[in-house]
Amino acid sequence: MIELIKHNLEGLTEKEFSYYEEKNDLFNQEVFKNPKFKFLQLSAMLDYRALNTSKLIKHIYGMSFMTLVNLYRINYFDNQIRFYISKGIKFTMSEIIKEAGFNSRTYFYYYFKEFKGMPPKDYYNL
């Protein structure tokens, strides 16, 4: 389950709201876990012009596409870690980082600290 992500739906046309719902459906299918998932793929999946998709994401979420994707990835990572810890399942951070869609540990750590305010080891008391 993805942590609530702030969004602004004010001023959207019916068509834009429909694209917003389609984007949510795609992200609920965890397309963000594909490390090669790109902005143009999302635009193509939505059948919406790239420029309009970019503006729509910026309006709704107040961030770029890649920042939004990485926020979903961090939330996915967070949910997996919490699940594994609660069930006493052994895991490695590298496995979950990769599963969440990150190709680079450095990139992951940058975004984790950006969104959570501290490194994962401190955040989870590992």
Protein backbone atom coordinates (compact mmCIF):
# COMPACT_ATOMS: atom_id res chain seq x y z
CA MET A 1 0.00 0.00 0.00
CA ILE A 2 1.35 3.40 -0.99
CA GLU A 3 1.56 6.11 1.65
CA LEU A 4 -0.79 9.00 0.89
CA ILE A 5 0.79 11.35 -1.61
CA LYS A 6 -0.43 14.94 -1.51
CA HIS A 7 -2.26 16.06 -4.59
CA ASN A 8 -4.29 18.99 -5.89
CA LEU A 9 -7.26 18.18 -8.11
CA GLU A 10 -8.64 21.72 -8.22
CA GLY A 11 -9.24 23.13 -11.67
CA LEU A 12 -8.91 19.83 -13.54
CA THR A 13 -11.12 19.28 -16.52
CA GLU A 14 -13.10 16.04 -16.70
CA LYS A 15 -10.59 14.72 -19.25
CA GLU A 16 -7.60 15.61 -17.01
CA PHE A 17 -9.27 13.94 -14.03
CA SER A 18 -9.74 10.84 -16.16
CA TYR A 19 -6.00 10.82 -16.95
CA TYR A 20 -5.26 11.27 -13.24
CA GLU A 21 -7.38 8.18 -12.46
CA GLU A 22 -5.66 6.19 -15.22
CA LYS A 23 -2.24 7.18 -13.82
CA ASN A 24 -3.33 5.96 -10.40
CA ASP A 25 -4.46 2.65 -11.88
CA LEU A 26 -1.08 2.22 -13.58
CA PHE A 27 0.85 3.08 -10.42
CA ASN A 28 -1.33 0.71 -8.38
CA GLN A 29 -0.13 -1.96 -10.80
CA GLU A 30 3.37 -0.98 -9.62
CA VAL A 31 4.72 0.08 -13.03
CA PHE A 32 7.18 2.26 -11.08
CA LYS A 33 9.06 -0.90 -10.02
CA ASN A 34 10.43 -1.21 -13.55
CA PRO A 35 13.80 0.60 -13.38
CA LYS A 36 13.42 1.51 -17.05
CA PHE A 37 9.98 3.09 -16.61
CA LYS A 38 10.16 6.48 -18.30
CA PHE A 39 8.00 9.54 -18.67
CA LEU A 40 7.25 8.91 -22.36
CA GLN A 41 6.00 5.42 -21.49
CA LEU A 42 3.50 6.92 -19.06
CA SER A 43 2.35 9.43 -21.68
CA ALA A 44 1.94 6.62 -24.22
CA MET A 45 0.07 4.41 -21.73
CA LEU A 46 -2.29 7.27 -20.97
CA ASP A 47 -2.50 8.23 -24.65
CA TYR A 48 -1.88 11.81 -23.59
CA ARG A 49 0.62 14.28 -25.05
CA ALA A 50 3.93 14.41 -23.16
CA LEU A 51 3.76 18.16 -22.54
CA ASN A 52 0.23 17.85 -21.14
CA THR A 53 1.22 14.86 -19.00
CA SER A 54 4.13 16.81 -17.55
CA LYS A 55 1.95 19.83 -16.75
CA LEU A 56 -0.74 17.60 -15.26
CA ILE A 57 1.72 15.83 -12.93
CA LYS A 58 3.23 19.15 -11.87
CA HIS A 59 -0.24 20.62 -11.20
CA ILE A 60 -1.57 17.64 -9.27
CA TYR A 61 1.52 16.60 -7.31
CA GLY A 62 3.71 19.70 -7.34
CA MET A 63 6.71 17.68 -8.50
CA SER A 64 8.30 16.23 -11.60
CA PHE A 65 7.52 12.81 -13.01
CA MET A 66 10.84 11.30 -11.83
CA THR A 67 10.41 12.68 -8.32
CA LEU A 68 6.89 11.21 -8.22
CA VAL A 69 8.15 7.82 -9.45
CA ASN A 70 10.90 7.83 -6.84
CA LEU A 71 8.43 8.77 -4.12
CA TYR A 72 6.35 5.73 -5.07
CA ARG A 73 9.51 3.61 -5.02
CA ILE A 74 10.49 4.88 -1.56
CA ASN A 75 6.98 4.23 -0.27
CA TYR A 76 7.10 0.72 -1.73
CA PHE A 77 10.48 0.13 -0.08
CA ASP A 78 9.14 1.45 3.23
CA ASN A 79 6.10 -0.84 3.11
CA GLN A 80 8.24 -3.88 2.26
CA ILE A 81 10.73 -3.21 5.06
CA ARG A 82 7.94 -2.74 7.60
CA PHE A 83 6.28 -5.97 6.44
CA TYR A 84 9.51 -7.98 6.61
CA ILE A 85 10.37 -6.59 10.05
CA SER A 86 6.86 -7.27 11.41
CA LYS A 87 6.96 -10.87 10.15
CA GLY A 88 10.56 -11.50 11.22
CA ILE A 89 11.56 -12.20 7.62
CA LYS A 90 15.26 -11.87 6.85
CA PHE A 91 16.07 -9.46 4.05
CA THR A 92 18.86 -7.45 2.53
CA MET A 93 18.45 -3.78 1.76
CA SER A 94 19.94 -4.38 -1.70
CA GLU A 95 17.18 -6.85 -2.61
CA ILE A 96 14.39 -4.48 -1.66
CA ILE A 97 16.11 -1.46 -3.23
CA LYS A 98 16.29 -3.35 -6.53
CA GLU A 99 12.74 -4.71 -6.17
CA ALA A 100 11.46 -1.15 -5.67
CA GLY A 101 12.91 -0.14 -9.04
CA PHE A 102 16.18 1.56 -8.12
CA ASN A 103 19.27 0.69 -10.17
CA SER A 104 21.62 2.60 -7.90
CA ARG A 105 22.04 2.48 -4.13
CA THR A 106 23.38 6.04 -4.23
CA TYR A 107 20.25 7.25 -6.01
CA PHE A 108 18.07 5.31 -3.56
CA TYR A 109 19.84 6.75 -0.51
CA TYR A 110 19.55 10.27 -1.91
CA TYR A 111 15.79 9.96 -2.40
CA PHE A 112 15.23 8.10 0.84
CA LYS A 113 16.89 10.89 2.81
CA GLU A 114 15.06 13.50 0.72
CA PHE A 115 11.62 12.01 1.51
CA LYS A 116 12.17 10.53 4.98
CA GLY A 117 14.67 13.04 6.38
CA MET A 118 17.34 10.50 7.38
CA PRO A 119 19.15 7.41 6.10
CA PRO A 120 17.29 4.07 6.21
CA LYS A 121 19.45 2.57 8.97
CA ASP A 122 18.52 5.45 11.28
CA TYR A 123 14.89 5.51 10.14
CA TYR A 124 14.35 1.81 10.87
CA ASN A 125 16.87 1.54 13.75
CA LEU A 126 18.72 -1.23 11.91
